[in-house]
Protein backbone atom coordinates (compact mmCIF):
# COMPACT_ATOMS: atom_id res chain seq x y z
CA UNK A 1 23.76 4.27 0.85
CA UNK A 2 25.74 4.34 4.07
CA UNK A 3 24.10 4.32 7.48
CA UNK A 4 25.81 7.64 8.27
CA UNK A 5 24.22 9.26 5.24
CA UNK A 6 20.83 7.78 6.07
CA UNK A 7 21.15 9.18 9.60
CA UNK A 8 22.01 12.61 8.20
CA UNK A 9 18.92 12.49 5.96
CA UNK A 10 16.74 11.48 8.87
CA UNK A 11 17.90 14.40 11.03
CA UNK A 12 17.87 17.07 8.29
CA UNK A 13 15.03 19.35 7.26
CA UNK A 14 13.32 18.00 4.14
CA UNK A 15 14.69 20.67 1.79
CA UNK A 16 18.23 20.20 3.09
CA UNK A 17 17.92 16.43 2.86
CA UNK A 18 16.84 16.54 -0.79
CA UNK A 19 19.71 18.92 -1.60
CA UNK A 20 22.22 16.38 -0.26
CA UNK A 21 21.00 13.77 -2.75
CA UNK A 22 22.12 15.59 -5.90
CA UNK A 23 24.99 13.15 -6.42
CA UNK A 24 22.66 10.12 -6.58
CA UNK A 25 21.33 8.82 -9.87
CA UNK A 26 17.63 9.11 -10.54
CA UNK A 27 17.26 5.36 -10.04
CA UNK A 28 18.88 5.59 -6.61
CA UNK A 29 16.64 8.53 -5.67
CA UNK A 30 13.58 6.55 -6.77
CA UNK A 31 14.55 3.56 -4.62
CA UNK A 32 15.14 5.86 -1.66
CA UNK A 33 11.81 7.61 -2.27
CA UNK A 34 9.95 4.28 -2.26
CA UNK A 35 11.82 3.18 0.88
CA UNK A 36 10.96 6.39 2.74
CA UNK A 37 7.38 6.55 1.49
CA UNK A 38 6.76 3.07 2.89
CA UNK A 39 7.53 4.27 6.42
CA UNK A 40 5.04 6.63 8.04
CA UNK A 41 7.67 8.74 9.82
CA UNK A 42 9.61 9.24 6.54
CA UNK A 43 6.67 9.65 4.16
CA UNK A 44 7.15 13.41 3.66
CA UNK A 45 10.81 12.88 2.86
CA UNK A 46 9.89 10.15 0.40
CA UNK A 47 7.47 12.46 -1.39
CA UNK A 48 10.07 15.25 -1.52
CA UNK A 49 12.63 12.88 -3.03
CA UNK A 50 10.08 11.52 -5.50
CA UNK A 51 9.41 15.07 -6.67
CA UNK A 52 12.99 15.15 -8.00
CA UNK A 53 12.26 12.14 -10.24
CA UNK A 54 10.45 11.85 -13.55
CA UNK A 55 6.79 10.87 -13.01
CA UNK A 56 6.74 8.43 -15.95
CA UNK A 57 9.85 6.66 -14.68
CA UNK A 58 8.38 6.41 -11.17
CA UNK A 59 5.31 4.71 -12.65
CA UNK A 60 7.38 2.39 -14.83
CA UNK A 61 9.59 1.45 -11.88
CA UNK A 62 6.84 0.65 -9.38
CA UNK A 63 3.53 0.46 -11.24
CA UNK A 64 0.52 1.67 -9.27
CA UNK A 65 2.65 2.70 -6.27
CA UNK A 66 4.89 4.75 -8.53
CA UNK A 67 1.89 6.43 -10.10
CA UNK A 68 0.39 7.28 -6.70
CA UNK A 69 3.70 8.66 -5.47
CA UNK A 70 4.26 10.66 -8.67
CA UNK A 71 0.80 12.20 -8.35
CA UNK A 72 0.90 12.89 -4.62
CA UNK A 73 4.33 14.50 -4.65
CA UNK A 74 3.19 17.00 -7.26
CA UNK A 75 -0.15 17.96 -5.71
CA UNK A 76 -0.33 21.12 -3.65
CA UNK A 77 -0.39 20.20 0.01
CA UNK A 78 -3.32 21.46 2.05
CA UNK A 79 -2.44 21.78 5.72
CA UNK A 80 -4.66 19.73 7.95
CA UNK A 81 -6.57 21.40 10.73
CA UNK A 82 -5.46 20.41 14.18
CA UNK A 83 -7.94 18.27 16.03
CA UNK A 84 -8.58 19.04 19.65
CA UNK A 85 -10.68 17.13 22.07
CA UNK A 86 -13.24 19.03 24.03
CA UNK A 87 -12.69 18.91 27.75
CA UNK A 88 -15.47 17.71 29.96
CA UNK A 89 -16.87 20.09 32.54
CA UNK A 90 -18.38 18.85 35.74
């Protein structure tokens, strides 16, 4: 994958980014999903890409990590509550 394409993926919305990967083989998408998942700032993109891959193949390709990714990318996401810190009053 070229650096230009990687830059485009990084700047795109997740849905748009996944749409641009339709010309990649499933194996290439899996490798990209594992790469992105391993980086905190790209984890959501990695899960979105993994969702386009077969769960059994993800597991076969990467063992326990593949199984975790296959499961997580198919679970409904529950938005986290924002945490605020209480101000101190004097």
